[in-house]
Amino acid sequence: MHDLILGITEWAAIAVEAAAVLVVSLAVIQAVLGFLRAFFGHANDIRSDAVRLHLARWLMLALEFALAADILRTAIAPGWDEIGKLAAIAALRTVLNFFLQREMEQARA
């Protein structure tokens, strides 16, 4: 039974990581298309800021998915090494999310 739970949790972590990859990939494609429209449409800087901020929002979501996958992996192998790695990753992602959120709020103001 324990092995079944471990297997399911590992597959869930892989699926969540795949979701993060999908979010980043689609967000980058959307940002590139938005940039090209803004560049060739001679749009002003507000339009390019909108593209950048939209990309930042999707990247924040992808970071949350990646953190969720790390939490799942730590749940099945809760050694101190894995917990330390999770803490470092969570701290880095939290700092990155904080600065992305702050930049988005400044751009809105």
PDB file of N, CA and C in Angstrom:
ATOM      1  N   MET A   1       0.815  -1.196   0.000  1.00  0.00           N
ATOM      2  CA  MET A   1       0.000   0.000   0.000  1.00  0.00           C
ATOM      3  C   MET A   1       0.861   1.263   0.000  1.00  0.00           C
ATOM      4  N   HIS A   2       1.936   1.203   0.795  1.00  0.00           N
ATOM      5  CA  HIS A   2       2.859   2.338   0.873  1.00  0.00           C
ATOM      6  C   HIS A   2       3.481   2.627  -0.488  1.00  0.00           C
ATOM      7  N   ASP A   3       3.882   1.570  -1.192  1.00  0.00           N
ATOM      8  CA  ASP A   3       4.481   1.751  -2.518  1.00  0.00           C
ATOM      9  C   ASP A   3       3.487   2.340  -3.509  1.00  0.00           C
ATOM     10  N   LEU A   4       2.223   1.968  -3.384  1.00  0.00           N
ATOM     11  CA  LEU A   4       1.191   2.530  -4.263  1.00  0.00           C
ATOM     12  C   LEU A   4       1.051   4.033  -4.033  1.00  0.00           C
ATOM     13  N   ILE A   5       1.031   4.439  -2.776  1.00  0.00           N
ATOM     14  CA  ILE A   5       0.922   5.873  -2.456  1.00  0.00           C
ATOM     15  C   ILE A   5       2.143   6.626  -2.963  1.00  0.00           C
ATOM     16  N   LEU A   6       3.320   6.037  -2.795  1.00  0.00           N
ATOM     17  CA  LEU A   6       4.545   6.668  -3.304  1.00  0.00           C
ATOM     18  C   LEU A   6       4.483   6.839  -4.820  1.00  0.00           C
ATOM     19  N   GLY A   7       4.031   5.816  -5.507  1.00  0.00           N
ATOM     20  CA  GLY A   7       3.928   5.888  -6.963  1.00  0.00           C
ATOM     21  C   GLY A   7       2.930   6.931  -7.421  1.00  0.00           C
ATOM     22  N   ILE A   8       1.774   6.964  -6.784  1.00  0.00           N
ATOM     23  CA  ILE A   8       0.759   7.955  -7.146  1.00  0.00           C
ATOM     24  C   ILE A   8       1.269   9.368  -6.886  1.00  0.00           C
ATOM     25  N   THR A   9       1.921   9.561  -5.757  1.00  0.00           N
ATOM     26  CA  THR A   9       2.443  10.891  -5.420  1.00  0.00           C
ATOM     27  C   THR A   9       3.520  11.331  -6.415  1.00  0.00           C
ATOM     28  N   GLU A  10       4.371  10.407  -6.812  1.00  0.00           N
ATOM     29  CA  GLU A  10       5.411  10.755  -7.793  1.00  0.00           C
ATOM     30  C   GLU A  10       4.788  11.121  -9.134  1.00  0.00           C
ATOM     31  N   TRP A  11       3.787  10.355  -9.559  1.00  0.00           N
ATOM     32  CA  TRP A  11       3.108  10.683 -10.824  1.00  0.00           C
ATOM     33  C   TRP A  11       2.382  12.022 -10.722  1.00  0.00           C
ATOM     34  N   ALA A  12       1.799  12.293  -9.559  1.00  0.00           N
ATOM     35  CA  ALA A  12       1.126  13.587  -9.360  1.00  0.00           C
ATOM     36  C   ALA A  12       2.134  14.724  -9.452  1.00  0.00           C
ATOM     37  N   ALA A  13       3.319  14.535  -8.871  1.00  0.00           N
ATOM     38  CA  ALA A  13       4.359  15.567  -8.934  1.00  0.00           C
ATOM     39  C   ALA A  13       4.798  15.793 -10.381  1.00  0.00           C
ATOM     40  N   ILE A  14       4.932  14.723 -11.132  1.00  0.00           N
ATOM     41  CA  ILE A  14       5.310  14.853 -12.546  1.00  0.00           C
ATOM     42  C   ILE A  14       4.225  15.592 -13.318  1.00  0.00           C
ATOM     43  N   ALA A  15       2.962  15.290 -13.034  1.00  0.00           N
ATOM     44  CA  ALA A  15       1.852  15.959 -13.727  1.00  0.00           C
ATOM     45  C   ALA A  15       1.813  17.449 -13.386  1.00  0.00           C
ATOM     46  N   VAL A  16       2.071  17.784 -12.135  1.00  0.00           N
ATOM     47  CA  VAL A  16       2.068  19.192 -11.732  1.00  0.00           C
ATOM     48  C   VAL A  16       3.241  19.929 -12.380  1.00  0.00           C
ATOM     49  N   GLU A  17       4.398  19.286 -12.455  1.00  0.00           N
ATOM     50  CA  GLU A  17       5.535  19.895 -13.156  1.00  0.00           C
ATOM     51  C   GLU A  17       5.227  20.084 -14.636  1.00  0.00           C
ATOM     52  N   ALA A  18       4.556  19.118 -15.232  1.00  0.00           N
ATOM     53  CA  ALA A  18       4.167  19.250 -16.644  1.00  0.00           C
ATOM     54  C   ALA A  18       3.214  20.428 -16.818  1.00  0.00           C
ATOM     55  N   ALA A  19       2.321  20.633 -15.865  1.00  0.00           N
ATOM     56  CA  ALA A  19       1.419  21.787 -15.922  1.00  0.00           C
ATOM     57  C   ALA A  19       2.216  23.088 -15.858  1.00  0.00           C
ATOM     58  N   ALA A  20       3.252  23.123 -15.023  1.00  0.00           N
ATOM     59  CA  ALA A  20       4.099  24.318 -14.933  1.00  0.00           C
ATOM     60  C   ALA A  20       4.802  24.582 -16.262  1.00  0.00           C
ATOM     61  N   VAL A  21       5.312  23.536 -16.881  1.00  0.00           N
ATOM     62  CA  VAL A  21       5.972  23.676 -18.183  1.00  0.00           C
ATOM     63  C   VAL A  21       4.983  24.174 -19.234  1.00  0.00           C
ATOM     64  N   LEU A  22       3.780  23.636 -19.209  1.00  0.00           N
ATOM     65  CA  LEU A  22       2.750  24.058 -20.159  1.00  0.00           C
ATOM     66  C   LEU A  22       2.392  25.531 -19.963  1.00  0.00           C
ATOM     67  N   VAL A  23       2.227  25.954 -18.717  1.00  0.00           N
ATOM     68  CA  VAL A  23       1.892  27.354 -18.433  1.00  0.00           C
ATOM     69  C   VAL A  23       3.003  28.275 -18.934  1.00  0.00           C
ATOM     70  N   VAL A  24       4.252  27.936 -18.641  1.00  0.00           N
ATOM     71  CA  VAL A  24       5.375  28.781 -19.090  1.00  0.00           C
ATOM     72  C   VAL A  24       5.437  28.809 -20.612  1.00  0.00           C
ATOM     73  N   SER A  25       5.302  27.675 -21.234  1.00  0.00           N
ATOM     74  CA  SER A  25       5.391  27.614 -22.698  1.00  0.00           C
ATOM     75  C   SER A  25       4.306  28.449 -23.365  1.00  0.00           C
ATOM     76  N   LEU A  26       3.069  28.281 -22.918  1.00  0.00           N
ATOM     77  CA  LEU A  26       1.974  29.053 -23.514  1.00  0.00           C
ATOM     78  C   LEU A  26       2.113  30.541 -23.215  1.00  0.00           C
ATOM     79  N   ALA A  27       2.570  30.875 -22.016  1.00  0.00           N
ATOM     80  CA  ALA A  27       2.749  32.283 -21.660  1.00  0.00           C
ATOM     81  C   ALA A  27       3.824  32.938 -22.519  1.00  0.00           C
ATOM     82  N   VAL A  28       4.903  32.221 -22.771  1.00  0.00           N
ATOM     83  CA  VAL A  28       5.975  32.774 -23.603  1.00  0.00           C
ATOM     84  C   VAL A  28       5.491  32.961 -25.040  1.00  0.00           C
ATOM     85  N   ILE A  29       4.770  31.989 -25.553  1.00  0.00           N
ATOM     86  CA  ILE A  29       4.223  32.125 -26.910  1.00  0.00           C
ATOM     87  C   ILE A  29       3.305  33.333 -26.980  1.00  0.00           C
ATOM     88  N   GLN A  30       2.426  33.469 -25.987  1.00  0.00           N
ATOM     89  CA  GLN A  30       1.503  34.600 -25.958  1.00  0.00           C
ATOM     90  C   GLN A  30       2.262  35.925 -25.839  1.00  0.00           C
ATOM     91  N   ALA A  31       3.319  35.960 -25.035  1.00  0.00           N
ATOM     92  CA  ALA A  31       4.101  37.185 -24.874  1.00  0.00           C
ATOM     93  C   ALA A  31       4.834  37.548 -26.165  1.00  0.00           C
ATOM     94  N   VAL A  32       5.377  36.552 -26.837  1.00  0.00           N
ATOM     95  CA  VAL A  32       6.069  36.821 -28.102  1.00  0.00           C
ATOM     96  C   VAL A  32       5.085  37.361 -29.141  1.00  0.00           C
ATOM     97  N   LEU A  33       3.906  36.762 -29.217  1.00  0.00           N
ATOM     98  CA  LEU A  33       2.902  37.255 -30.159  1.00  0.00           C
ATOM     99  C   LEU A  33       2.455  38.668 -29.790  1.00  0.00           C
ATOM    100  N   GLY A  34       2.270  38.928 -28.498  1.00  0.00           N
ATOM    101  CA  GLY A  34       1.906  40.276 -28.056  1.00  0.00           C
ATOM    102  C   GLY A  34       2.991  41.276 -28.359  1.00  0.00           C
ATOM    103  N   PHE A  35       4.234  40.870 -28.159  1.00  0.00           N
ATOM    104  CA  PHE A  35       5.355  41.757 -28.483  1.00  0.00           C
ATOM    105  C   PHE A  35       5.386  42.072 -29.977  1.00  0.00           C
ATOM    106  N   LEU A  36       5.206  41.050 -30.794  1.00  0.00           N
ATOM    107  CA  LEU A  36       5.237  41.273 -32.243  1.00  0.00           C
ATOM    108  C   LEU A  36       4.097  42.196 -32.686  1.00  0.00           C
ATOM    109  N   ARG A  37       2.918  42.001 -32.102  1.00  0.00           N
ATOM    110  CA  ARG A  37       1.801  42.905 -32.422  1.00  0.00           C
ATOM    111  C   ARG A  37       2.116  44.333 -31.995  1.00  0.00           C
ATOM    112  N   ALA A  38       2.689  44.481 -30.797  1.00  0.00           N
ATOM    113  CA  ALA A  38       3.027  45.817 -30.300  1.00  0.00           C
ATOM    114  C   ALA A  38       4.143  46.443 -31.142  1.00  0.00           C
ATOM    115  N   PHE A  39       5.126  45.628 -31.509  1.00  0.00           N
ATOM    116  CA  PHE A  39       6.275  46.153 -32.263  1.00  0.00           C
ATOM    117  C   PHE A  39       5.876  46.572 -33.676  1.00  0.00           C
ATOM    118  N   PHE A  40       5.172  45.702 -34.365  1.00  0.00           N
ATOM    119  CA  PHE A  40       4.815  46.014 -35.741  1.00  0.00           C
ATOM    120  C   PHE A  40       3.585  46.911 -35.840  1.00  0.00           C
ATOM    121  N   GLY A  41       2.812  47.000 -34.755  1.00  0.00           N
ATOM    122  CA  GLY A  41       1.654  47.885 -34.756  1.00  0.00           C
ATOM    123  C   GLY A  41       2.007  49.272 -34.268  1.00  0.00           C
ATOM    124  N   HIS A  42       3.293  49.487 -33.993  1.00  0.00           N
ATOM    125  CA  HIS A  42       3.777  50.771 -33.494  1.00  0.00           C
ATOM    126  C   HIS A  42       3.020  51.210 -32.256  1.00  0.00           C
ATOM    127  N   ALA A  43       2.755  50.264 -31.366  1.00  0.00           N
ATOM    128  CA  ALA A  43       2.042  50.574 -30.126  1.00  0.00           C
ATOM    129  C   ALA A  43       2.966  51.318 -29.175  1.00  0.00           C
ATOM    130  N   ASN A  44       2.374  52.018 -28.241  1.00  0.00           N
ATOM    131  CA  ASN A  44       3.178  52.774 -27.278  1.00  0.00           C
ATOM    132  C   ASN A  44       3.703  51.857 -26.171  1.00  0.00           C
ATOM    133  N   ASP A  45       4.435  52.433 -25.223  1.00  0.00           N
ATOM    134  CA  ASP A  45       5.071  51.647 -24.162  1.00  0.00           C
ATOM    135  C   ASP A  45       4.054  50.983 -23.244  1.00  0.00           C
ATOM    136  N   ILE A  46       2.865  51.567 -23.122  1.00  0.00           N
ATOM    137  CA  ILE A  46       1.856  50.981 -22.252  1.00  0.00           C
ATOM    138  C   ILE A  46       1.487  49.581 -22.755  1.00  0.00           C
ATOM    139  N   ARG A  47       1.410  49.424 -24.029  1.00  0.00           N
ATOM    140  CA  ARG A  47       1.070  48.121 -24.619  1.00  0.00           C
ATOM    141  C   ARG A  47       2.159  47.091 -24.313  1.00  0.00           C
ATOM    142  N   SER A  48       3.427  47.474 -24.445  1.00  0.00           N
ATOM    143  CA  SER A  48       4.500  46.527 -24.164  1.00  0.00           C
ATOM    144  C   SER A  48       4.563  46.221 -22.672  1.00  0.00           C
ATOM    145  N   ASP A  49       4.234  47.193 -21.820  1.00  0.00           N
ATOM    146  CA  ASP A  49       4.170  46.911 -20.386  1.00  0.00           C
ATOM    147  C   ASP A  49       3.060  45.917 -20.078  1.00  0.00           C
ATOM    148  N   ALA A  50       1.954  46.044 -20.777  1.00  0.00           N
ATOM    149  CA  ALA A  50       0.846  45.109 -20.568  1.00  0.00           C
ATOM    150  C   ALA A  50       1.273  43.691 -20.926  1.00  0.00           C
ATOM    151  N   VAL A  51       2.015  43.539 -21.997  1.00  0.00           N
ATOM    152  CA  VAL A  51       2.502  42.207 -22.406  1.00  0.00           C
ATOM    153  C   VAL A  51       3.436  41.654 -21.337  1.00  0.00           C
ATOM    154  N   ARG A  52       4.335  42.489 -20.856  1.00  0.00           N
ATOM    155  CA  ARG A  52       5.302  42.059 -19.837  1.00  0.00           C
ATOM    156  C   ARG A  52       4.605  41.674 -18.537  1.00  0.00           C
ATOM    157  N   LEU A  53       3.635  42.467 -18.112  1.00  0.00           N
ATOM    158  CA  LEU A  53       2.928  42.178 -16.868  1.00  0.00           C
ATOM    159  C   LEU A  53       2.064  40.921 -16.993  1.00  0.00           C
ATOM    160  N   HIS A  54       1.491  40.727 -18.160  1.00  0.00           N
ATOM    161  CA  HIS A  54       0.698  39.516 -18.384  1.00  0.00           C
ATOM    162  C   HIS A  54       1.602  38.278 -18.289  1.00  0.00           C
ATOM    163  N   LEU A  55       2.778  38.363 -18.880  1.00  0.00           N
ATOM    164  CA  LEU A  55       3.737  37.264 -18.783  1.00  0.00           C
ATOM    165  C   LEU A  55       4.133  37.030 -17.327  1.00  0.00           C
ATOM    166  N   ALA A  56       4.348  38.091 -16.579  1.00  0.00           N
ATOM    167  CA  ALA A  56       4.736  37.954 -15.170  1.00  0.00           C
ATOM    168  C   ALA A  56       3.660  37.229 -14.373  1.00  0.00           C
ATOM    169  N   ARG A  57       2.398  37.527 -14.643  1.00  0.00           N
ATOM    170  CA  ARG A  57       1.303  36.848 -13.936  1.00  0.00           C
ATOM    171  C   ARG A  57       1.326  35.344 -14.202  1.00  0.00           C
ATOM    172  N   TRP A  58       1.531  34.973 -15.449  1.00  0.00           N
ATOM    173  CA  TRP A  58       1.563  33.549 -15.781  1.00  0.00           C
ATOM    174  C   TRP A  58       2.797  32.866 -15.194  1.00  0.00           C
ATOM    175  N   LEU A  59       3.924  33.589 -15.158  1.00  0.00           N
ATOM    176  CA  LEU A  59       5.125  33.007 -14.555  1.00  0.00           C
ATOM    177  C   LEU A  59       4.931  32.772 -13.064  1.00  0.00           C
ATOM    178  N   MET A  60       4.211  33.678 -12.400  1.00  0.00           N
ATOM    179  CA  MET A  60       3.920  33.481 -10.985  1.00  0.00           C
ATOM    180  C   MET A  60       3.087  32.218 -10.771  1.00  0.00           C
ATOM    181  N   LEU A  61       2.130  31.988 -11.650  1.00  0.00           N
ATOM    182  CA  LEU A  61       1.323  30.771 -11.560  1.00  0.00           C
ATOM    183  C   LEU A  61       2.190  29.531 -11.774  1.00  0.00           C
ATOM    184  N   ALA A  62       3.070  29.591 -12.750  1.00  0.00           N
ATOM    185  CA  ALA A  62       3.961  28.456 -13.017  1.00  0.00           C
ATOM    186  C   ALA A  62       4.869  28.185 -11.818  1.00  0.00           C
ATOM    187  N   LEU A  63       5.337  29.232 -11.150  1.00  0.00           N
ATOM    188  CA  LEU A  63       6.158  29.046  -9.955  1.00  0.00           C
ATOM    189  C   LEU A  63       5.369  28.338  -8.856  1.00  0.00           C
ATOM    190  N   GLU A  64       4.094  28.661  -8.729  1.00  0.00           N
ATOM    191  CA  GLU A  64       3.263  27.997  -7.733  1.00  0.00           C
ATOM    192  C   GLU A  64       3.106  26.511  -8.059  1.00  0.00           C
ATOM    193  N   PHE A  65       2.922  26.198  -9.332  1.00  0.00           N
ATOM    194  CA  PHE A  65       2.845  24.786  -9.730  1.00  0.00           C
ATOM    195  C   PHE A  65       4.154  24.060  -9.416  1.00  0.00           C
ATOM    196  N   ALA A  66       5.266  24.698  -9.729  1.00  0.00           N
ATOM    197  CA  ALA A  66       6.565  24.069  -9.476  1.00  0.00           C
ATOM    198  C   ALA A  66       6.776  23.844  -7.981  1.00  0.00           C
ATOM    199  N   LEU A  67       6.373  24.801  -7.175  1.00  0.00           N
ATOM    200  CA  LEU A  67       6.486  24.639  -5.726  1.00  0.00           C
ATOM    201  C   LEU A  67       5.590  23.497  -5.245  1.00  0.00           C
ATOM    202  N   ALA A  68       4.396  23.392  -5.803  1.00  0.00           N
ATOM    203  CA  ALA A  68       3.489  22.297  -5.429  1.00  0.00           C
ATOM    204  C   ALA A  68       4.120  20.941  -5.751  1.00  0.00           C
ATOM    205  N   ALA A  69       4.775  20.836  -6.889  1.00  0.00           N
ATOM    206  CA  ALA A  69       5.445  19.582  -7.244  1.00  0.00           C
ATOM    207  C   ALA A  69       6.565  19.262  -6.252  1.00  0.00           C
ATOM    208  N   ASP A  70       7.300  20.287  -5.837  1.00  0.00           N
ATOM    209  CA  ASP A  70       8.361  20.062  -4.844  1.00  0.00           C
ATOM    210  C   ASP A  70       7.783  19.621  -3.504  1.00  0.00           C
ATOM    211  N   ILE A  71       6.645  20.188  -3.133  1.00  0.00           N
ATOM    212  CA  ILE A  71       6.002  19.786  -1.884  1.00  0.00           C
ATOM    213  C   ILE A  71       5.560  18.328  -1.959  1.00  0.00           C
ATOM    214  N   LEU A  72       5.004  17.916  -3.089  1.00  0.00           N
ATOM    215  CA  LEU A  72       4.618  16.512  -3.249  1.00  0.00           C
ATOM    216  C   LEU A  72       5.821  15.592  -3.123  1.00  0.00           C
ATOM    217  N   ARG A  73       6.911  15.965  -3.742  1.00  0.00           N
ATOM    218  CA  ARG A  73       8.111  15.120  -3.674  1.00  0.00           C
ATOM    219  C   ARG A  73       8.663  15.055  -2.248  1.00  0.00           C
ATOM    220  N   THR A  74       8.591  16.163  -1.532  1.00  0.00           N
ATOM    221  CA  THR A  74       9.075  16.169  -0.150  1.00  0.00           C
ATOM    222  C   THR A  74       8.166  15.329   0.740  1.00  0.00           C
ATOM    223  N   ALA A  75       6.880  15.271   0.410  1.00  0.00           N
ATOM    224  CA  ALA A  75       5.942  14.479   1.206  1.00  0.00           C
ATOM    225  C   ALA A  75       6.264  12.989   1.144  1.00  0.00           C
ATOM    226  N   ILE A  76       6.837  12.523   0.043  1.00  0.00           N
ATOM    227  CA  ILE A  76       7.144  11.093  -0.070  1.00  0.00           C
ATOM    228  C   ILE A  76       8.569  10.761   0.363  1.00  0.00           C
ATOM    229  N   ALA A  77       9.424  11.760   0.501  1.00  0.00           N
ATOM    230  CA  ALA A  77      10.809  11.525   0.932  1.00  0.00           C
ATOM    231  C   ALA A  77      11.218  12.628   1.906  1.00  0.00           C
ATOM    232  N   PRO A  78      10.664  12.600   3.114  1.00  0.00           N
ATOM    233  CA  PRO A  78      10.869  13.730   4.017  1.00  0.00           C
ATOM    234  C   PRO A  78      12.186  13.713   4.794  1.00  0.00           C
ATOM    235  N   GLY A  79      13.288  13.465   4.120  1.00  0.00           N
ATOM    236  CA  GLY A  79      14.590  13.542   4.779  1.00  0.00           C
ATOM    237  C   GLY A  79      15.009  14.995   4.955  1.00  0.00           C
ATOM    238  N   TRP A  80      15.971  15.227   5.815  1.00  0.00           N
ATOM    239  CA  TRP A  80      16.411  16.598   6.091  1.00  0.00           C
ATOM    240  C   TRP A  80      17.002  17.251   4.858  1.00  0.00           C
ATOM    241  N   ASP A  81      17.656  16.465   4.030  1.00  0.00           N
ATOM    242  CA  ASP A  81      18.226  17.017   2.797  1.00  0.00           C
ATOM    243  C   ASP A  81      17.119  17.532   1.878  1.00  0.00           C
ATOM    244  N   GLU A  82      16.066  16.727   1.705  1.00  0.00           N
ATOM    245  CA  GLU A  82      14.944  17.135   0.850  1.00  0.00           C
ATOM    246  C   GLU A  82      14.206  18.328   1.443  1.00  0.00           C
ATOM    247  N   ILE A  83      14.038  18.335   2.765  1.00  0.00           N
ATOM    248  CA  ILE A  83      13.360  19.461   3.423  1.00  0.00           C
ATOM    249  C   ILE A  83      14.188  20.737   3.260  1.00  0.00           C
ATOM    250  N   GLY A  84      15.501  20.621   3.377  1.00  0.00           N
ATOM    251  CA  GLY A  84      16.376  21.787   3.174  1.00  0.00           C
ATOM    252  C   GLY A  84      16.290  22.312   1.752  1.00  0.00           C
ATOM    253  N   LYS A  85      16.286  21.403   0.778  1.00  0.00           N
ATOM    254  CA  LYS A  85      16.152  21.816  -0.619  1.00  0.00           C
ATOM    255  C   LYS A  85      14.810  22.495  -0.862  1.00  0.00           C
ATOM    256  N   LEU A  86      13.738  21.934  -0.284  1.00  0.00           N
ATOM    257  CA  LEU A  86      12.418  22.535  -0.438  1.00  0.00           C
ATOM    258  C   LEU A  86      12.389  23.929   0.174  1.00  0.00           C
ATOM    259  N   ALA A  87      12.987  24.085   1.343  1.00  0.00           N
ATOM    260  CA  ALA A  87      13.010  25.395   1.995  1.00  0.00           C
ATOM    261  C   ALA A  87      13.763  26.414   1.140  1.00  0.00           C
ATOM    262  N   ALA A  88      14.889  26.008   0.568  1.00  0.00           N
ATOM    263  CA  ALA A  88      15.655  26.929  -0.276  1.00  0.00           C
ATOM    264  C   ALA A  88      14.875  27.299  -1.534  1.00  0.00           C
ATOM    265  N   ILE A  89      14.261  26.302  -2.165  1.00  0.00           N
ATOM    266  CA  ILE A  89      13.473  26.563  -3.375  1.00  0.00           C
ATOM    267  C   ILE A  89      12.282  27.443  -3.058  1.00  0.00           C
ATOM    268  N   ALA A  90      11.595  27.141  -1.955  1.00  0.00           N
ATOM    269  CA  ALA A  90      10.427  27.942  -1.566  1.00  0.00           C
ATOM    270  C   ALA A  90      10.842  29.380  -1.274  1.00  0.00           C
ATOM    271  N   ALA A  91      11.972  29.566  -0.621  1.00  0.00           N
ATOM    272  CA  ALA A  91      12.433  30.923  -0.317  1.00  0.00           C
ATOM    273  C   ALA A  91      12.752  31.686  -1.602  1.00  0.00           C
ATOM    274  N   LEU A  92      13.456  31.056  -2.520  1.00  0.00           N
ATOM    275  CA  LEU A  92      13.783  31.719  -3.784  1.00  0.00           C
ATOM    276  C   LEU A  92      12.529  32.066  -4.576  1.00  0.00           C
ATOM    277  N   ARG A  93      11.600  31.146  -4.642  1.00  0.00           N
ATOM    278  CA  ARG A  93      10.364  31.399  -5.390  1.00  0.00           C
ATOM    279  C   ARG A  93       9.520  32.466  -4.715  1.00  0.00           C
ATOM    280  N   THR A  94       9.520  32.481  -3.392  1.00  0.00           N
ATOM    281  CA  THR A  94       8.768  33.502  -2.669  1.00  0.00           C
ATOM    282  C   THR A  94       9.356  34.882  -2.935  1.00  0.00           C
ATOM    283  N   VAL A  95      10.662  34.991  -2.904  1.00  0.00           N
ATOM    284  CA  VAL A  95      11.316  36.275  -3.194  1.00  0.00           C
ATOM    285  C   VAL A  95      11.013  36.712  -4.628  1.00  0.00           C
ATOM    286  N   LEU A  96      11.104  35.790  -5.560  1.00  0.00           N
ATOM    287  CA  LEU A  96      10.822  36.119  -6.954  1.00  0.00           C
ATOM    288  C   LEU A  96       9.369  36.547  -7.114  1.00  0.00           C
ATOM    289  N   ASN A  97       8.445  35.818  -6.508  1.00  0.00           N
ATOM    290  CA  ASN A  97       7.032  36.201  -6.564  1.00  0.00           C
ATOM    291  C   ASN A  97       6.802  37.571  -5.943  1.00  0.00           C
ATOM    292  N   PHE A  98       7.476  37.845  -4.825  1.00  0.00           N
ATOM    293  CA  PHE A  98       7.319  39.143  -4.164  1.00  0.00           C
ATOM    294  C   PHE A  98       7.724  40.281  -5.096  1.00  0.00           C
ATOM    295  N   PHE A  99       8.874  40.147  -5.736  1.00  0.00           N
ATOM    296  CA  PHE A  99       9.343  41.214  -6.610  1.00  0.00           C
ATOM    297  C   PHE A  99       8.508  41.328  -7.883  1.00  0.00           C
ATOM    298  N   LEU A 100       8.048  40.202  -8.411  1.00  0.00           N
ATOM    299  CA  LEU A 100       7.155  40.267  -9.570  1.00  0.00           C
ATOM    300  C   LEU A 100       5.848  40.970  -9.210  1.00  0.00           C
ATOM    301  N   GLN A 101       5.300  40.626  -8.042  1.00  0.00           N
ATOM    302  CA  GLN A 101       4.054  41.255  -7.600  1.00  0.00           C
ATOM    303  C   GLN A 101       4.250  42.744  -7.378  1.00  0.00           C
ATOM    304  N   ARG A 102       5.348  43.116  -6.766  1.00  0.00           N
ATOM    305  CA  ARG A 102       5.640  44.535  -6.515  1.00  0.00           C
ATOM    306  C   ARG A 102       5.789  45.302  -7.816  1.00  0.00           C
ATOM    307  N   GLU A 103       6.474  44.720  -8.777  1.00  0.00           N
ATOM    308  CA  GLU A 103       6.641  45.374 -10.067  1.00  0.00           C
ATOM    309  C   GLU A 103       5.307  45.523 -10.783  1.00  0.00           C
ATOM    310  N   MET A 104       4.450  44.514 -10.674  1.00  0.00           N
ATOM    311  CA  MET A 104       3.134  44.597 -11.309  1.00  0.00           C
ATOM    312  C   MET A 104       2.298  45.703 -10.668  1.00  0.00           C
ATOM    313  N   GLU A 105       2.371  45.832  -9.349  1.00  0.00           N
ATOM    314  CA  GLU A 105       1.615  46.874  -8.670  1.00  0.00           C
ATOM    315  C   GLU A 105       2.148  48.271  -9.023  1.00  0.00           C
ATOM    316  N   GLN A 106       3.452  48.405  -9.148  1.00  0.00           N
ATOM    317  CA  GLN A 106       4.035  49.690  -9.533  1.00  0.00           C
ATOM    318  C   GLN A 106       3.643  50.067 -10.954  1.00  0.00           C
ATOM    319  N   ALA A 107       3.566  49.096 -11.823  1.00  0.00           N
ATOM    320  CA  ALA A 107       3.198  49.378 -13.215  1.00  0.00           C
ATOM    321  C   ALA A 107       1.734  49.793 -13.317  1.00  0.00           C
ATOM    322  N   ARG A 108       0.889  49.239 -12.455  1.00  0.00           N
ATOM    323  CA  ARG A 108      -0.523  49.627 -12.457  1.00  0.00           C
ATOM    324  C   ARG A 108      -0.710  51.057 -11.970  1.00  0.00           C
ATOM    325  N   ALA A 109       0.156  51.473 -11.017  1.00  0.00           N
ATOM    326  CA  ALA A 109      -0.003  52.813 -10.412  1.00  0.00           C
ATOM    327  C   ALA A 109       0.428  53.938 -11.330  1.00  0.00           C
TER     328      ALA A 109
END
